[in-house]
N, C-alpha and C. Protein backbone atom coordinates (compact mmCIF):
# COMPACT_ATOMS: atom_id res chain seq x y z
N MET A 1 -107.87 43.82 97.14
CA MET A 1 -107.78 44.48 95.86
C MET A 1 -106.34 44.56 95.38
N GLU A 2 -105.42 44.78 96.31
CA GLU A 2 -104.02 44.91 95.91
C GLU A 2 -103.52 43.64 95.25
N ILE A 3 -103.96 42.51 95.74
CA ILE A 3 -103.52 41.24 95.14
C ILE A 3 -104.06 41.11 93.73
N TYR A 4 -105.33 41.48 93.53
CA TYR A 4 -105.91 41.41 92.19
C TYR A 4 -105.14 42.31 91.22
N PHE A 5 -104.85 43.54 91.64
CA PHE A 5 -104.12 44.44 90.75
C PHE A 5 -102.70 43.97 90.50
N SER A 6 -102.12 43.29 91.47
CA SER A 6 -100.79 42.71 91.26
C SER A 6 -100.85 41.62 90.19
N VAL A 7 -101.90 40.80 90.24
CA VAL A 7 -102.08 39.76 89.22
C VAL A 7 -102.28 40.40 87.85
N VAL A 8 -103.11 41.43 87.78
CA VAL A 8 -103.34 42.14 86.51
C VAL A 8 -102.02 42.70 85.97
N GLN A 9 -101.23 43.31 86.84
CA GLN A 9 -99.95 43.89 86.41
C GLN A 9 -99.04 42.82 85.80
N ARG A 10 -98.94 41.68 86.48
CA ARG A 10 -98.03 40.63 86.01
C ARG A 10 -98.54 39.89 84.79
N LYS A 11 -99.85 39.66 84.71
CA LYS A 11 -100.38 38.79 83.66
C LYS A 11 -100.97 39.54 82.47
N VAL A 12 -101.28 40.82 82.63
CA VAL A 12 -101.95 41.56 81.56
C VAL A 12 -101.10 42.73 81.06
N LEU A 13 -100.57 43.49 81.96
CA LEU A 13 -99.93 44.75 81.58
C LEU A 13 -98.43 44.64 81.33
N THR A 14 -97.83 43.51 81.65
CA THR A 14 -96.40 43.33 81.44
C THR A 14 -96.19 42.23 80.42
N PRO A 15 -95.46 42.44 79.37
CA PRO A 15 -94.76 43.67 79.02
C PRO A 15 -95.70 44.72 78.43
N ASN A 16 -95.29 45.93 78.53
CA ASN A 16 -96.09 47.06 78.06
C ASN A 16 -95.84 47.26 76.56
N ASP A 17 -96.46 46.44 75.75
CA ASP A 17 -96.22 46.48 74.30
C ASP A 17 -97.51 46.70 73.51
N PHE A 18 -98.35 47.59 74.01
CA PHE A 18 -99.64 47.84 73.39
C PHE A 18 -99.52 48.86 72.26
N ALA A 19 -100.28 48.63 71.20
CA ALA A 19 -100.27 49.57 70.07
C ALA A 19 -101.07 50.84 70.40
N ASP A 20 -102.17 50.67 71.17
CA ASP A 20 -103.00 51.82 71.54
C ASP A 20 -103.85 51.47 72.76
N LEU A 21 -104.61 52.43 73.25
CA LEU A 21 -105.43 52.22 74.45
C LEU A 21 -106.54 51.20 74.22
N ALA A 22 -107.03 51.10 73.01
CA ALA A 22 -108.08 50.11 72.70
C ALA A 22 -107.55 48.69 72.94
N GLU A 23 -106.31 48.46 72.60
CA GLU A 23 -105.72 47.14 72.83
C GLU A 23 -105.60 46.85 74.32
N VAL A 24 -105.25 47.85 75.10
CA VAL A 24 -105.19 47.69 76.56
C VAL A 24 -106.57 47.32 77.09
N ALA A 25 -107.58 48.05 76.66
CA ALA A 25 -108.95 47.79 77.12
C ALA A 25 -109.40 46.39 76.73
N ASP A 26 -109.09 45.97 75.52
CA ASP A 26 -109.47 44.63 75.06
C ASP A 26 -108.79 43.55 75.89
N ARG A 27 -107.51 43.73 76.15
CA ARG A 27 -106.77 42.72 76.91
C ARG A 27 -107.28 42.66 78.35
N LEU A 28 -107.56 43.81 78.94
CA LEU A 28 -108.10 43.83 80.31
C LEU A 28 -109.47 43.16 80.37
N ALA A 29 -110.32 43.43 79.40
CA ALA A 29 -111.67 42.83 79.37
C ALA A 29 -111.57 41.31 79.20
N ALA A 30 -110.68 40.85 78.34
CA ALA A 30 -110.51 39.41 78.13
C ALA A 30 -109.99 38.74 79.40
N PHE A 31 -109.05 39.40 80.06
CA PHE A 31 -108.52 38.84 81.31
C PHE A 31 -109.61 38.77 82.37
N GLU A 32 -110.42 39.82 82.47
CA GLU A 32 -111.49 39.84 83.46
C GLU A 32 -112.47 38.69 83.24
N ARG A 33 -112.85 38.46 82.00
CA ARG A 33 -113.77 37.35 81.70
C ARG A 33 -113.16 36.01 82.10
N ARG A 34 -111.91 35.80 81.72
CA ARG A 34 -111.23 34.54 82.03
C ARG A 34 -111.04 34.39 83.53
N TYR A 35 -110.64 35.46 84.20
CA TYR A 35 -110.36 35.39 85.64
C TYR A 35 -111.63 35.07 86.43
N GLU A 36 -112.76 35.61 86.00
CA GLU A 36 -114.03 35.33 86.68
C GLU A 36 -114.39 33.85 86.61
N GLU A 37 -113.96 33.18 85.56
CA GLU A 37 -114.26 31.76 85.40
C GLU A 37 -113.30 30.86 86.17
N THR A 38 -112.07 31.31 86.36
CA THR A 38 -111.04 30.44 86.92
C THR A 38 -110.57 30.82 88.31
N ALA A 39 -110.94 31.99 88.79
CA ALA A 39 -110.42 32.47 90.07
C ALA A 39 -110.88 31.61 91.23
N VAL A 40 -109.98 31.40 92.18
CA VAL A 40 -110.31 30.71 93.43
C VAL A 40 -109.81 31.60 94.57
N PRO A 41 -110.39 31.46 95.75
CA PRO A 41 -109.93 32.28 96.88
C PRO A 41 -108.45 32.03 97.18
N PHE A 42 -107.78 33.06 97.60
CA PHE A 42 -106.38 32.93 97.99
C PHE A 42 -106.29 32.18 99.31
N GLU A 43 -105.28 31.34 99.44
CA GLU A 43 -105.06 30.63 100.68
C GLU A 43 -104.02 31.41 101.48
N TRP A 44 -104.48 32.08 102.51
CA TRP A 44 -103.60 32.93 103.31
C TRP A 44 -102.73 32.07 104.21
N ARG A 45 -101.46 32.34 104.20
CA ARG A 45 -100.52 31.58 105.03
C ARG A 45 -99.84 32.48 106.06
N PHE A 46 -99.96 33.77 105.91
CA PHE A 46 -99.31 34.70 106.82
C PHE A 46 -100.29 35.00 107.95
N ARG A 47 -99.99 34.47 109.13
CA ARG A 47 -100.91 34.58 110.27
C ARG A 47 -100.54 35.77 111.15
N ARG A 48 -101.42 36.09 112.07
CA ARG A 48 -101.17 37.19 113.01
C ARG A 48 -99.88 36.94 113.79
N GLU A 49 -99.64 35.68 114.17
CA GLU A 49 -98.42 35.34 114.91
C GLU A 49 -97.18 35.61 114.06
N ASP A 50 -97.28 35.35 112.75
CA ASP A 50 -96.16 35.62 111.84
C ASP A 50 -95.86 37.11 111.79
N LEU A 51 -96.89 37.93 111.76
CA LEU A 51 -96.71 39.38 111.75
C LEU A 51 -96.07 39.85 113.05
N THR A 52 -96.53 39.33 114.16
CA THR A 52 -95.97 39.71 115.45
C THR A 52 -94.48 39.37 115.50
N LEU A 53 -94.12 38.18 115.04
CA LEU A 53 -92.72 37.77 115.02
C LEU A 53 -91.89 38.66 114.09
N LEU A 54 -92.41 38.97 112.94
CA LEU A 54 -91.71 39.83 111.99
C LEU A 54 -91.48 41.22 112.58
N LEU A 55 -92.50 41.79 113.20
CA LEU A 55 -92.35 43.11 113.80
C LEU A 55 -91.35 43.10 114.95
N LYS A 56 -91.32 42.02 115.71
CA LYS A 56 -90.35 41.90 116.80
C LYS A 56 -88.93 41.86 116.24
N LYS A 57 -88.73 41.07 115.18
CA LYS A 57 -87.40 40.99 114.56
C LYS A 57 -86.97 42.35 114.02
N LEU A 58 -87.88 43.06 113.39
CA LEU A 58 -87.55 44.37 112.84
C LEU A 58 -87.19 45.36 113.95
N ALA A 59 -87.92 45.29 115.05
CA ALA A 59 -87.67 46.21 116.16
C ALA A 59 -86.32 45.94 116.81
N GLU A 60 -85.83 44.73 116.72
CA GLU A 60 -84.55 44.37 117.33
C GLU A 60 -83.36 44.79 116.47
N LYS A 61 -83.60 45.15 115.23
CA LYS A 61 -82.49 45.58 114.36
C LYS A 61 -81.99 46.95 114.81
N PRO A 62 -80.69 47.17 114.81
CA PRO A 62 -80.15 48.45 115.28
C PRO A 62 -80.61 49.66 114.47
N ASP A 63 -80.82 49.50 113.18
CA ASP A 63 -81.17 50.64 112.33
C ASP A 63 -82.68 50.84 112.20
N TYR A 64 -83.47 50.08 112.94
CA TYR A 64 -84.93 50.16 112.82
C TYR A 64 -85.44 51.55 113.19
N GLU A 65 -85.00 52.10 114.32
CA GLU A 65 -85.49 53.40 114.76
C GLU A 65 -85.01 54.53 113.84
N ALA A 66 -83.83 54.40 113.29
CA ALA A 66 -83.31 55.43 112.40
C ALA A 66 -84.13 55.51 111.11
N ALA A 67 -84.62 54.38 110.64
CA ALA A 67 -85.39 54.36 109.40
C ALA A 67 -86.83 54.83 109.60
N ALA A 68 -87.32 54.78 110.82
CA ALA A 68 -88.71 55.14 111.08
C ALA A 68 -88.95 56.62 111.09
């Protein structure tokens, strides 16, 4: 869901130049119709091994424990 809302934020709500709430609703509805026709599944590239490596790198940083 977070990815979908990120797409909506970038493609529908930015820039925030709406005259009124009805215009927001219209633009969201139009985007939803178009997105349903063109959407394809996301191709995930971040694997479990990538997360493990990232967490290891973060843990090795000197300021990691201070920020936690």
